Amino acid sequence: MLFSSVLFAQSADVITEILSSQQANLGQVAYLCAIQQNLVQEDASYEDAVAALVSEGLISEESDSSESVTLARASFLLSKNWEINGGVMYSLTNGSQRYTFKQFVADGVLAPTAEPSSFISGAEVLNLYSACLRRYGGYDVKTVSMEAE
């Protein structure tokens, strides 16, 4: 029980750190992806999460956990967490950054006015992650129980 509380505290600290970031970095997005895909434990560092995505072939070995992330890149990385039934170009390009971004707009995950090349804040990354959870992960906040199990 204490062990799971420590992990939860670590995760809460990471989420708080991401939320307060003026500009999200690759390590933060990689952390969300690697946790979702069970590639790392919740107490992993951003560097561990980046290494996990490198080993999965999602990012290059030259990637640095501290580099800023564009909306298109964050969309691409987060898209790998779920099965997305996209359009023809999305399918033909195996969900390239460009077509993942376009698919997210088409699916209502992103606003039609969203700019793919814009750098995004930590709060925007978490909003994007939540939108993906709702759209592709079948998560509905209305069905969540706050009662102890």
C-alpha atoms as a PDB file:
ATOM      1  CA  MET A   1       0.000   0.000   0.000  1.00  0.00           C
ATOM      2  CA  LEU A   2       2.794   2.440   0.902  1.00  0.00           C
ATOM      3  CA  PHE A   3       4.612   1.535  -2.324  1.00  0.00           C
ATOM      4  CA  SER A   4       1.604   2.481  -4.481  1.00  0.00           C
ATOM      5  CA  SER A   5       1.226   5.753  -2.550  1.00  0.00           C
ATOM      6  CA  VAL A   6       4.847   6.647  -3.320  1.00  0.00           C
ATOM      7  CA  LEU A   7       4.281   5.921  -7.022  1.00  0.00           C
ATOM      8  CA  PHE A   8       1.106   7.989  -7.020  1.00  0.00           C
ATOM      9  CA  ALA A   9       2.942  10.859  -5.323  1.00  0.00           C
ATOM     10  CA  GLN A  10       5.703  10.669  -7.944  1.00  0.00           C
ATOM     11  CA  SER A  11       3.143  10.725 -10.748  1.00  0.00           C
ATOM     12  CA  ALA A  12       1.273  13.645  -9.156  1.00  0.00           C
ATOM     13  CA  ASP A  13       4.542  15.582  -8.867  1.00  0.00           C
ATOM     14  CA  VAL A  14       5.295  14.952 -12.539  1.00  0.00           C
ATOM     15  CA  ILE A  15       1.804  16.041 -13.609  1.00  0.00           C
ATOM     16  CA  THR A  16       2.128  19.193 -11.498  1.00  0.00           C
ATOM     17  CA  GLU A  17       5.507  19.915 -13.104  1.00  0.00           C
ATOM     18  CA  ILE A  18       4.126  19.380 -16.610  1.00  0.00           C
ATOM     19  CA  LEU A  19       1.092  21.534 -15.851  1.00  0.00           C
ATOM     20  CA  SER A  20       3.260  24.431 -14.705  1.00  0.00           C
ATOM     21  CA  SER A  21       5.602  24.321 -17.732  1.00  0.00           C
ATOM     22  CA  GLN A  22       5.422  27.404 -19.930  1.00  0.00           C
ATOM     23  CA  GLN A  23       6.766  25.311 -22.801  1.00  0.00           C
ATOM     24  CA  ALA A  24       6.451  21.533 -22.806  1.00  0.00           C
ATOM     25  CA  ASN A  25       9.531  19.481 -23.571  1.00  0.00           C
ATOM     26  CA  LEU A  26      10.056  16.140 -25.251  1.00  0.00           C
ATOM     27  CA  GLY A  27      10.750  14.404 -21.943  1.00  0.00           C
ATOM     28  CA  GLN A  28       7.354  15.399 -20.577  1.00  0.00           C
ATOM     29  CA  VAL A  29       5.469  14.180 -23.640  1.00  0.00           C
ATOM     30  CA  ALA A  30       7.591  11.024 -23.760  1.00  0.00           C
ATOM     31  CA  TYR A  31       6.787  10.378 -20.083  1.00  0.00           C
ATOM     32  CA  LEU A  32       3.024  10.496 -20.750  1.00  0.00           C
ATOM     33  CA  CYS A  33       3.426   8.189 -23.752  1.00  0.00           C
ATOM     34  CA  ALA A  34       5.767   5.726 -22.072  1.00  0.00           C
ATOM     35  CA  ILE A  35       3.527   5.471 -18.998  1.00  0.00           C
ATOM     36  CA  GLN A  36       0.416   4.948 -21.155  1.00  0.00           C
ATOM     37  CA  GLN A  37       2.173   2.206 -23.126  1.00  0.00           C
ATOM     38  CA  ASN A  38       3.628   0.579 -19.977  1.00  0.00           C
ATOM     39  CA  LEU A  39       7.179   1.102 -21.250  1.00  0.00           C
ATOM     40  CA  VAL A  40       8.374   2.668 -17.976  1.00  0.00           C
ATOM     41  CA  GLN A  41       7.299   2.804 -14.352  1.00  0.00           C
ATOM     42  CA  GLU A  42       5.746   5.944 -12.872  1.00  0.00           C
ATOM     43  CA  ASP A  43       8.982   6.785 -11.057  1.00  0.00           C
ATOM     44  CA  ALA A  44      10.935   6.932 -14.333  1.00  0.00           C
ATOM     45  CA  SER A  45      12.782  10.072 -15.352  1.00  0.00           C
ATOM     46  CA  TYR A  46      12.087  12.033 -18.512  1.00  0.00           C
ATOM     47  CA  GLU A  47      15.364  10.660 -19.889  1.00  0.00           C
ATOM     48  CA  ASP A  48      14.154   7.101 -19.208  1.00  0.00           C
ATOM     49  CA  ALA A  49      10.914   7.859 -21.043  1.00  0.00           C
ATOM     50  CA  VAL A  50      12.776   9.307 -24.049  1.00  0.00           C
ATOM     51  CA  ALA A  51      15.039   6.231 -24.115  1.00  0.00           C
ATOM     52  CA  ALA A  52      11.960   3.997 -24.092  1.00  0.00           C
ATOM     53  CA  LEU A  53      10.489   5.822 -27.095  1.00  0.00           C
ATOM     54  CA  VAL A  54      13.850   5.643 -28.875  1.00  0.00           C
ATOM     55  CA  SER A  55      13.856   1.874 -28.356  1.00  0.00           C
ATOM     56  CA  GLU A  56      10.326   1.720 -29.801  1.00  0.00           C
ATOM     57  CA  GLY A  57      11.496   3.644 -32.877  1.00  0.00           C
ATOM     58  CA  LEU A  58       9.195   6.597 -32.227  1.00  0.00           C
ATOM     59  CA  ILE A  59      11.951   9.197 -31.869  1.00  0.00           C
ATOM     60  CA  SER A  60      15.564   9.399 -32.984  1.00  0.00           C
ATOM     61  CA  GLU A  61      18.553   8.639 -30.779  1.00  0.00           C
ATOM     62  CA  GLU A  62      19.665  12.273 -31.120  1.00  0.00           C
ATOM     63  CA  SER A  63      16.512  13.457 -29.339  1.00  0.00           C
ATOM     64  CA  ASP A  64      17.020  15.426 -26.147  1.00  0.00           C
ATOM     65  CA  SER A  65      14.483  15.284 -23.333  1.00  0.00           C
ATOM     66  CA  SER A  66      14.761  19.050 -22.792  1.00  0.00           C
ATOM     67  CA  GLU A  67      13.942  20.110 -26.369  1.00  0.00           C
ATOM     68  CA  SER A  68      10.694  21.993 -26.889  1.00  0.00           C
ATOM     69  CA  VAL A  69       7.814  20.199 -28.581  1.00  0.00           C
ATOM     70  CA  THR A  70       5.500  21.417 -31.321  1.00  0.00           C
ATOM     71  CA  LEU A  71       1.819  20.610 -31.384  1.00  0.00           C
ATOM     72  CA  ALA A  72       2.352  18.350 -34.420  1.00  0.00           C
ATOM     73  CA  ARG A  73       5.090  16.356 -32.688  1.00  0.00           C
ATOM     74  CA  ALA A  74       3.118  16.023 -29.456  1.00  0.00           C
ATOM     75  CA  SER A  75       0.099  14.872 -31.488  1.00  0.00           C
ATOM     76  CA  PHE A  76       2.198  12.287 -33.309  1.00  0.00           C
ATOM     77  CA  LEU A  77       3.715  10.871 -30.121  1.00  0.00           C
ATOM     78  CA  LEU A  78       0.427  10.788 -28.219  1.00  0.00           C
ATOM     79  CA  SER A  79      -1.296   9.127 -31.173  1.00  0.00           C
ATOM     80  CA  LYS A  80       0.877   6.051 -30.661  1.00  0.00           C
ATOM     81  CA  ASN A  81      -0.946   5.359 -27.384  1.00  0.00           C
ATOM     82  CA  TRP A  82      -4.201   4.298 -29.055  1.00  0.00           C
ATOM     83  CA  GLU A  83      -5.561   2.582 -32.137  1.00  0.00           C
ATOM     84  CA  ILE A  84      -6.679   5.397 -34.414  1.00  0.00           C
ATOM     85  CA  ASN A  85      -8.783   4.616 -37.453  1.00  0.00           C
ATOM     86  CA  GLY A  86      -7.740   7.500 -39.645  1.00  0.00           C
ATOM     87  CA  GLY A  87      -8.316   8.583 -43.195  1.00  0.00           C
ATOM     88  CA  VAL A  88      -6.522   7.347 -46.282  1.00  0.00           C
ATOM     89  CA  MET A  89      -3.458   9.594 -45.969  1.00  0.00           C
ATOM     90  CA  TYR A  90      -3.155   8.874 -42.256  1.00  0.00           C
ATOM     91  CA  SER A  91      -3.147   5.160 -43.047  1.00  0.00           C
ATOM     92  CA  LEU A  92      -0.793   5.421 -46.041  1.00  0.00           C
ATOM     93  CA  THR A  93       1.785   7.416 -44.042  1.00  0.00           C
ATOM     94  CA  ASN A  94       1.492   5.226 -40.919  1.00  0.00           C
ATOM     95  CA  GLY A  95       0.294   8.248 -38.995  1.00  0.00           C
ATOM     96  CA  SER A  96       3.028  10.727 -39.927  1.00  0.00           C
ATOM     97  CA  GLN A  97       3.188  13.946 -37.897  1.00  0.00           C
ATOM     98  CA  ARG A  98       1.433  15.902 -40.643  1.00  0.00           C
ATOM     99  CA  TYR A  99      -1.435  13.467 -41.075  1.00  0.00           C
ATOM    100  CA  THR A 100      -1.795  12.708 -37.380  1.00  0.00           C
ATOM    101  CA  PHE A 101      -2.282  16.424 -36.824  1.00  0.00           C
ATOM    102  CA  LYS A 102      -4.866  16.566 -39.632  1.00  0.00           C
ATOM    103  CA  GLN A 103      -6.616  13.492 -38.219  1.00  0.00           C
ATOM    104  CA  PHE A 104      -6.785  15.060 -34.761  1.00  0.00           C
ATOM    105  CA  VAL A 105      -8.420  18.142 -36.284  1.00  0.00           C
ATOM    106  CA  ALA A 106     -10.872  15.979 -38.264  1.00  0.00           C
ATOM    107  CA  ASP A 107     -11.728  13.979 -35.121  1.00  0.00           C
ATOM    108  CA  GLY A 108     -12.292  17.129 -33.043  1.00  0.00           C
ATOM    109  CA  VAL A 109      -9.322  16.457 -30.767  1.00  0.00           C
ATOM    110  CA  LEU A 110      -7.737  19.710 -31.961  1.00  0.00           C
ATOM    111  CA  ALA A 111      -9.420  22.934 -33.046  1.00  0.00           C
ATOM    112  CA  PRO A 112      -9.428  23.716 -36.772  1.00  0.00           C
ATOM    113  CA  THR A 113      -7.416  26.855 -35.968  1.00  0.00           C
ATOM    114  CA  ALA A 114      -4.614  24.931 -34.218  1.00  0.00           C
ATOM    115  CA  GLU A 115      -1.119  25.577 -35.596  1.00  0.00           C
ATOM    116  CA  PRO A 116       1.003  22.427 -36.035  1.00  0.00           C
ATOM    117  CA  SER A 117       4.309  24.304 -35.726  1.00  0.00           C
ATOM    118  CA  SER A 118       3.421  26.116 -32.505  1.00  0.00           C
ATOM    119  CA  PHE A 119       5.285  25.210 -29.346  1.00  0.00           C
ATOM    120  CA  ILE A 120       2.897  24.193 -26.612  1.00  0.00           C
ATOM    121  CA  SER A 121       2.707  24.548 -22.857  1.00  0.00           C
ATOM    122  CA  GLY A 122       2.521  21.716 -20.385  1.00  0.00           C
ATOM    123  CA  ALA A 123      -1.146  22.498 -19.749  1.00  0.00           C
ATOM    124  CA  GLU A 124      -1.815  22.186 -23.484  1.00  0.00           C
ATOM    125  CA  VAL A 125      -0.056  18.808 -23.568  1.00  0.00           C
ATOM    126  CA  LEU A 126      -2.240  17.555 -20.709  1.00  0.00           C
ATOM    127  CA  ASN A 127      -5.358  18.913 -22.438  1.00  0.00           C
ATOM    128  CA  LEU A 128      -4.341  17.123 -25.642  1.00  0.00           C
ATOM    129  CA  TYR A 129      -3.670  13.909 -23.715  1.00  0.00           C
ATOM    130  CA  SER A 130      -7.112  14.167 -22.058  1.00  0.00           C
ATOM    131  CA  ALA A 131      -8.826  14.840 -25.395  1.00  0.00           C
ATOM    132  CA  CYS A 132      -7.120  11.768 -26.866  1.00  0.00           C
ATOM    133  CA  LEU A 133      -8.189   9.662 -23.878  1.00  0.00           C
ATOM    134  CA  ARG A 134     -11.792  10.711 -24.404  1.00  0.00           C
ATOM    135  CA  ARG A 135     -11.773  10.265 -28.185  1.00  0.00           C
ATOM    136  CA  TYR A 136      -9.600   7.200 -28.675  1.00  0.00           C
ATOM    137  CA  GLY A 137      -9.424   5.580 -25.247  1.00  0.00           C
ATOM    138  CA  GLY A 138     -13.135   5.543 -24.516  1.00  0.00           C
ATOM    139  CA  TYR A 139     -12.608   7.454 -21.274  1.00  0.00           C
ATOM    140  CA  ASP A 140     -15.662   9.299 -20.003  1.00  0.00           C
ATOM    141  CA  VAL A 141     -15.274  11.361 -16.840  1.00  0.00           C
ATOM    142  CA  LYS A 142     -19.006  10.890 -16.131  1.00  0.00           C
ATOM    143  CA  THR A 143     -18.412   7.184 -15.510  1.00  0.00           C
ATOM    144  CA  VAL A 144     -15.573   7.625 -13.010  1.00  0.00           C
ATOM    145  CA  SER A 145     -16.400   6.805  -9.417  1.00  0.00           C
ATOM    146  CA  MET A 146     -14.657   8.770  -6.687  1.00  0.00           C
ATOM    147  CA  GLU A 147     -15.648   6.240  -4.025  1.00  0.00           C
ATOM    148  CA  ALA A 148     -12.959   4.055  -2.483  1.00  0.00           C
ATOM    149  CA  GLU A 149     -12.883   0.540  -3.856  1.00  0.00           C
END
